[in-house]
Amino acid sequence: MDENVLNFVKQYIGDAIANYPKIPASKLNEVVEDASIRMVESLKIAVSTDKKDGIEALLNGSDDLMMANEVRKMLESDLVISIEEVTKLDAREATKVASSVFPVVLKRFCEAFDAESLTYLLVREYKKNGVLVGSFTCILGGMFG
C-alpha cells in the first residue's frame, strides 16, 4: 500500500473525525486506521477498473458528475463500514457520522492530489509488488499521451 496516500488519508480522516461526539475516543485510532486502509484499497482497485474515469472526474473537477459520484459513494461507504464495524454504531448513526465527516476528508484529498499524481502513486505501488494490471498502461497512456 502506498504509504504517502495512506498517511494523507489517515491525517484527513483523523482531523475530521477527532472531535465527533459519536466516536468514542478509545476507538478513534482504530476507525481512522480501518477506514484509511479501506479507502486506499478501493482507490487502488478503482484505478485498475472502469472507475478510473470517476477518480479523474472527482479529483480534477470534471463535469462527469455521475462518474465522480460513483467514486465518492464508494469511498464514503468505506468510511461508513469502518465506523459501523469498529464502534458498533448502527448503520443510521454511522452514516450520519460519515456524511458529516466525509465532505471535509474529500475536500482536503482533492486539494492534495490530482488524478495523475494519485494514479502514479498507486501504480508505482503495484509495480513495486510485482503486479501490473493491463489497464494501468491505458491509464498512463491516456494521461501522458
C-alpha atoms as a PDB file:
ATOM      1  CA  MET A   1       0.000   0.000   0.000  1.00  0.00           C
ATOM      2  CA  ASP A   2       1.375   3.403  -0.854  1.00  0.00           C
ATOM      3  CA  GLU A   3       2.330   4.987   2.453  1.00  0.00           C
ATOM      4  CA  ASN A   4       2.100   8.552   1.104  1.00  0.00           C
ATOM      5  CA  VAL A   5      -1.520   8.160   0.086  1.00  0.00           C
ATOM      6  CA  LEU A   6      -2.354   6.170   3.211  1.00  0.00           C
ATOM      7  CA  ASN A   7      -0.792   8.766   5.514  1.00  0.00           C
ATOM      8  CA  PHE A   8      -2.675  11.607   3.815  1.00  0.00           C
ATOM      9  CA  VAL A   9      -5.966   9.742   4.146  1.00  0.00           C
ATOM     10  CA  LYS A  10      -5.254   8.899   7.798  1.00  0.00           C
ATOM     11  CA  GLN A  11      -4.489  12.526   8.573  1.00  0.00           C
ATOM     12  CA  TYR A  12      -7.623  13.807   6.835  1.00  0.00           C
ATOM     13  CA  ILE A  13      -9.919  11.297   8.485  1.00  0.00           C
ATOM     14  CA  GLY A  14      -8.260  11.768  11.869  1.00  0.00           C
ATOM     15  CA  ASP A  15      -8.556  15.552  11.688  1.00  0.00           C
ATOM     16  CA  ALA A  16     -12.177  15.453  10.532  1.00  0.00           C
ATOM     17  CA  ILE A  17     -13.389  12.845  12.991  1.00  0.00           C
ATOM     18  CA  ALA A  18     -11.288  13.754  16.057  1.00  0.00           C
ATOM     19  CA  ASN A  19     -13.944  15.712  17.905  1.00  0.00           C
ATOM     20  CA  TYR A  20     -17.013  13.953  16.619  1.00  0.00           C
ATOM     21  CA  PRO A  21     -19.013  13.040  19.748  1.00  0.00           C
ATOM     22  CA  LYS A  22     -20.441   9.769  18.406  1.00  0.00           C
ATOM     23  CA  ILE A  23     -16.967   8.240  18.033  1.00  0.00           C
ATOM     24  CA  PRO A  24     -15.561   7.114  21.386  1.00  0.00           C
ATOM     25  CA  ALA A  25     -12.024   8.417  21.912  1.00  0.00           C
ATOM     26  CA  SER A  26     -10.880   4.866  22.627  1.00  0.00           C
ATOM     27  CA  LYS A  27     -11.982   3.801  19.122  1.00  0.00           C
ATOM     28  CA  LEU A  28     -10.770   6.831  17.175  1.00  0.00           C
ATOM     29  CA  ASN A  29      -7.400   5.453  16.065  1.00  0.00           C
ATOM     30  CA  GLU A  30      -8.937   2.135  15.088  1.00  0.00           C
ATOM     31  CA  VAL A  31     -11.618   3.852  12.980  1.00  0.00           C
ATOM     32  CA  VAL A  32      -9.015   6.041  11.278  1.00  0.00           C
ATOM     33  CA  GLU A  33      -6.733   3.083  10.526  1.00  0.00           C
ATOM     34  CA  ASP A  34      -9.507   0.821   9.254  1.00  0.00           C
ATOM     35  CA  ALA A  35     -11.207   3.486   7.133  1.00  0.00           C
ATOM     36  CA  SER A  36      -7.917   4.680   5.649  1.00  0.00           C
ATOM     37  CA  ILE A  37      -6.889   1.210   4.563  1.00  0.00           C
ATOM     38  CA  ARG A  38     -10.324   0.513   3.083  1.00  0.00           C
ATOM     39  CA  MET A  39     -10.372   3.788   1.159  1.00  0.00           C
ATOM     40  CA  VAL A  40      -6.863   3.425  -0.262  1.00  0.00           C
ATOM     41  CA  GLU A  41      -7.564  -0.181  -1.285  1.00  0.00           C
ATOM     42  CA  SER A  42     -10.744   0.994  -3.036  1.00  0.00           C
ATOM     43  CA  LEU A  43      -8.754   3.655  -4.871  1.00  0.00           C
ATOM     44  CA  LYS A  44      -6.180   1.076  -5.942  1.00  0.00           C
ATOM     45  CA  ILE A  45      -8.925  -1.130  -7.326  1.00  0.00           C
ATOM     46  CA  ALA A  46     -10.635   1.838  -8.965  1.00  0.00           C
ATOM     47  CA  VAL A  47      -7.558   2.906 -10.942  1.00  0.00           C
ATOM     48  CA  SER A  48      -7.407  -0.569 -12.473  1.00  0.00           C
ATOM     49  CA  THR A  49     -11.087  -0.713 -13.467  1.00  0.00           C
ATOM     50  CA  ASP A  50     -13.692   1.367 -15.231  1.00  0.00           C
ATOM     51  CA  LYS A  51     -13.839   3.622 -12.149  1.00  0.00           C
ATOM     52  CA  LYS A  52     -10.571   5.327 -13.130  1.00  0.00           C
ATOM     53  CA  ASP A  53     -12.608   7.931 -15.039  1.00  0.00           C
ATOM     54  CA  GLY A  54     -14.556   8.625 -11.859  1.00  0.00           C
ATOM     55  CA  ILE A  55     -11.349   9.278  -9.930  1.00  0.00           C
ATOM     56  CA  GLU A  56     -10.234  11.706 -12.606  1.00  0.00           C
ATOM     57  CA  ALA A  57     -13.643  13.401 -12.586  1.00  0.00           C
ATOM     58  CA  LEU A  58     -13.623  13.661  -8.796  1.00  0.00           C
ATOM     59  CA  LEU A  59     -10.079  14.944  -8.365  1.00  0.00           C
ATOM     60  CA  ASN A  60      -9.821  17.180 -11.409  1.00  0.00           C
ATOM     61  CA  GLY A  61     -13.268  18.749 -11.131  1.00  0.00           C
ATOM     62  CA  SER A  62     -14.581  17.236 -14.345  1.00  0.00           C
ATOM     63  CA  ASP A  63     -18.159  17.740 -15.430  1.00  0.00           C
ATOM     64  CA  ASP A  64     -18.794  13.985 -15.368  1.00  0.00           C
ATOM     65  CA  LEU A  65     -20.766  14.078 -12.128  1.00  0.00           C
ATOM     66  CA  MET A  66     -22.128  10.561 -12.483  1.00  0.00           C
ATOM     67  CA  MET A  67     -18.644   9.008 -12.557  1.00  0.00           C
ATOM     68  CA  ALA A  68     -17.399  11.280  -9.765  1.00  0.00           C
ATOM     69  CA  ASN A  69     -20.425  10.435  -7.605  1.00  0.00           C
ATOM     70  CA  GLU A  70     -19.822   6.719  -8.089  1.00  0.00           C
ATOM     71  CA  VAL A  71     -16.301   7.039  -6.663  1.00  0.00           C
ATOM     72  CA  ARG A  72     -17.494   9.410  -3.927  1.00  0.00           C
ATOM     73  CA  LYS A  73     -20.159   6.909  -2.827  1.00  0.00           C
ATOM     74  CA  MET A  74     -17.631   4.067  -2.844  1.00  0.00           C
ATOM     75  CA  LEU A  75     -15.233   5.977  -0.584  1.00  0.00           C
ATOM     76  CA  GLU A  76     -17.968   7.226   1.742  1.00  0.00           C
ATOM     77  CA  SER A  77     -19.271   3.673   2.019  1.00  0.00           C
ATOM     78  CA  ASP A  78     -15.805   2.552   3.148  1.00  0.00           C
ATOM     79  CA  LEU A  79     -15.954   5.155   5.912  1.00  0.00           C
ATOM     80  CA  VAL A  80     -19.467   4.098   6.971  1.00  0.00           C
ATOM     81  CA  ILE A  81     -18.455   0.435   7.150  1.00  0.00           C
ATOM     82  CA  SER A  82     -15.400   1.238   9.254  1.00  0.00           C
ATOM     83  CA  ILE A  83     -17.350   3.416  11.677  1.00  0.00           C
ATOM     84  CA  GLU A  84     -20.089   0.822  11.970  1.00  0.00           C
ATOM     85  CA  GLU A  85     -17.778  -2.154  12.474  1.00  0.00           C
ATOM     86  CA  VAL A  86     -15.272  -0.527  14.817  1.00  0.00           C
ATOM     87  CA  THR A  87     -17.624   1.497  17.020  1.00  0.00           C
ATOM     88  CA  LYS A  88     -20.659  -0.805  16.789  1.00  0.00           C
ATOM     89  CA  LEU A  89     -22.867   2.184  15.957  1.00  0.00           C
ATOM     90  CA  ASP A  90     -25.940   1.212  13.980  1.00  0.00           C
ATOM     91  CA  ALA A  91     -25.939   1.840  10.228  1.00  0.00           C
ATOM     92  CA  ARG A  92     -28.049   5.006  10.544  1.00  0.00           C
ATOM     93  CA  GLU A  93     -25.712   6.620  13.071  1.00  0.00           C
ATOM     94  CA  ALA A  94     -22.585   5.509  11.195  1.00  0.00           C
ATOM     95  CA  THR A  95     -23.997   7.035   8.019  1.00  0.00           C
ATOM     96  CA  LYS A  96     -24.740  10.318   9.820  1.00  0.00           C
ATOM     97  CA  VAL A  97     -21.170  10.479  11.118  1.00  0.00           C
ATOM     98  CA  ALA A  98     -19.701   9.649   7.719  1.00  0.00           C
ATOM     99  CA  SER A  99     -21.978  12.157   5.968  1.00  0.00           C
ATOM    100  CA  SER A 100     -20.693  14.973   8.138  1.00  0.00           C
ATOM    101  CA  VAL A 101     -17.035  13.912   8.113  1.00  0.00           C
ATOM    102  CA  PHE A 102     -16.581  12.734   4.519  1.00  0.00           C
ATOM    103  CA  PRO A 103     -17.002  16.106   2.733  1.00  0.00           C
ATOM    104  CA  VAL A 104     -14.106  17.516   4.789  1.00  0.00           C
ATOM    105  CA  VAL A 105     -11.939  14.490   4.027  1.00  0.00           C
ATOM    106  CA  LEU A 106     -12.799  14.646   0.328  1.00  0.00           C
ATOM    107  CA  LYS A 107     -12.091  18.382   0.077  1.00  0.00           C
ATOM    108  CA  ARG A 108      -8.636  18.001   1.597  1.00  0.00           C
ATOM    109  CA  PHE A 109      -7.911  14.927  -0.507  1.00  0.00           C
ATOM    110  CA  CYS A 110      -8.849  16.780  -3.707  1.00  0.00           C
ATOM    111  CA  GLU A 111      -6.600  19.673  -2.702  1.00  0.00           C
ATOM    112  CA  ALA A 112      -3.644  17.328  -2.167  1.00  0.00           C
ATOM    113  CA  PHE A 113      -3.940  15.100  -5.231  1.00  0.00           C
ATOM    114  CA  ASP A 114      -4.867  15.298  -8.856  1.00  0.00           C
ATOM    115  CA  ALA A 115      -5.742  12.186 -10.838  1.00  0.00           C
ATOM    116  CA  GLU A 116      -2.307  11.983 -12.437  1.00  0.00           C
ATOM    117  CA  SER A 117      -0.334  12.094  -9.180  1.00  0.00           C
ATOM    118  CA  LEU A 118      -2.681   9.708  -7.385  1.00  0.00           C
ATOM    119  CA  THR A 119      -2.593   7.221 -10.255  1.00  0.00           C
ATOM    120  CA  TYR A 120       1.189   7.428 -10.334  1.00  0.00           C
ATOM    121  CA  LEU A 121       1.466   6.681  -6.612  1.00  0.00           C
ATOM    122  CA  LEU A 122      -0.968   3.780  -6.755  1.00  0.00           C
ATOM    123  CA  VAL A 123       0.511   2.314  -9.957  1.00  0.00           C
ATOM    124  CA  ARG A 124       4.009   2.613  -8.516  1.00  0.00           C
ATOM    125  CA  GLU A 125       2.874   0.523  -5.566  1.00  0.00           C
ATOM    126  CA  TYR A 126       1.594  -2.211  -7.858  1.00  0.00           C
ATOM    127  CA  LYS A 127       4.876  -2.214  -9.799  1.00  0.00           C
ATOM    128  CA  LYS A 128       6.857  -2.439  -6.573  1.00  0.00           C
ATOM    129  CA  ASN A 129       4.875  -5.507  -5.588  1.00  0.00           C
ATOM    130  CA  GLY A 130       5.437  -7.095  -8.991  1.00  0.00           C
ATOM    131  CA  VAL A 131       1.849  -6.734 -10.162  1.00  0.00           C
ATOM    132  CA  LEU A 132       0.886  -4.611 -13.115  1.00  0.00           C
ATOM    133  CA  VAL A 133      -2.674  -4.735 -14.336  1.00  0.00           C
ATOM    134  CA  GLY A 134      -3.064  -4.121 -18.070  1.00  0.00           C
ATOM    135  CA  SER A 135      -5.430  -1.211 -17.697  1.00  0.00           C
ATOM    136  CA  PHE A 136      -2.760   0.762 -15.823  1.00  0.00           C
ATOM    137  CA  THR A 137      -0.895   1.019 -19.105  1.00  0.00           C
ATOM    138  CA  CYS A 138      -4.016   2.523 -20.656  1.00  0.00           C
ATOM    139  CA  ILE A 139      -4.375   4.966 -17.779  1.00  0.00           C
ATOM    140  CA  LEU A 140      -0.807   6.158 -18.057  1.00  0.00           C
ATOM    141  CA  GLY A 141      -1.004   6.309 -21.839  1.00  0.00           C
ATOM    142  CA  GLY A 142      -4.145   8.414 -21.618  1.00  0.00           C
ATOM    143  CA  MET A 143      -2.624  10.787 -19.095  1.00  0.00           C
ATOM    144  CA  PHE A 144       0.789  11.237 -20.671  1.00  0.00           C
ATOM    145  CA  GLY A 145      -0.010  10.541 -24.327  1.00  0.00           C
END
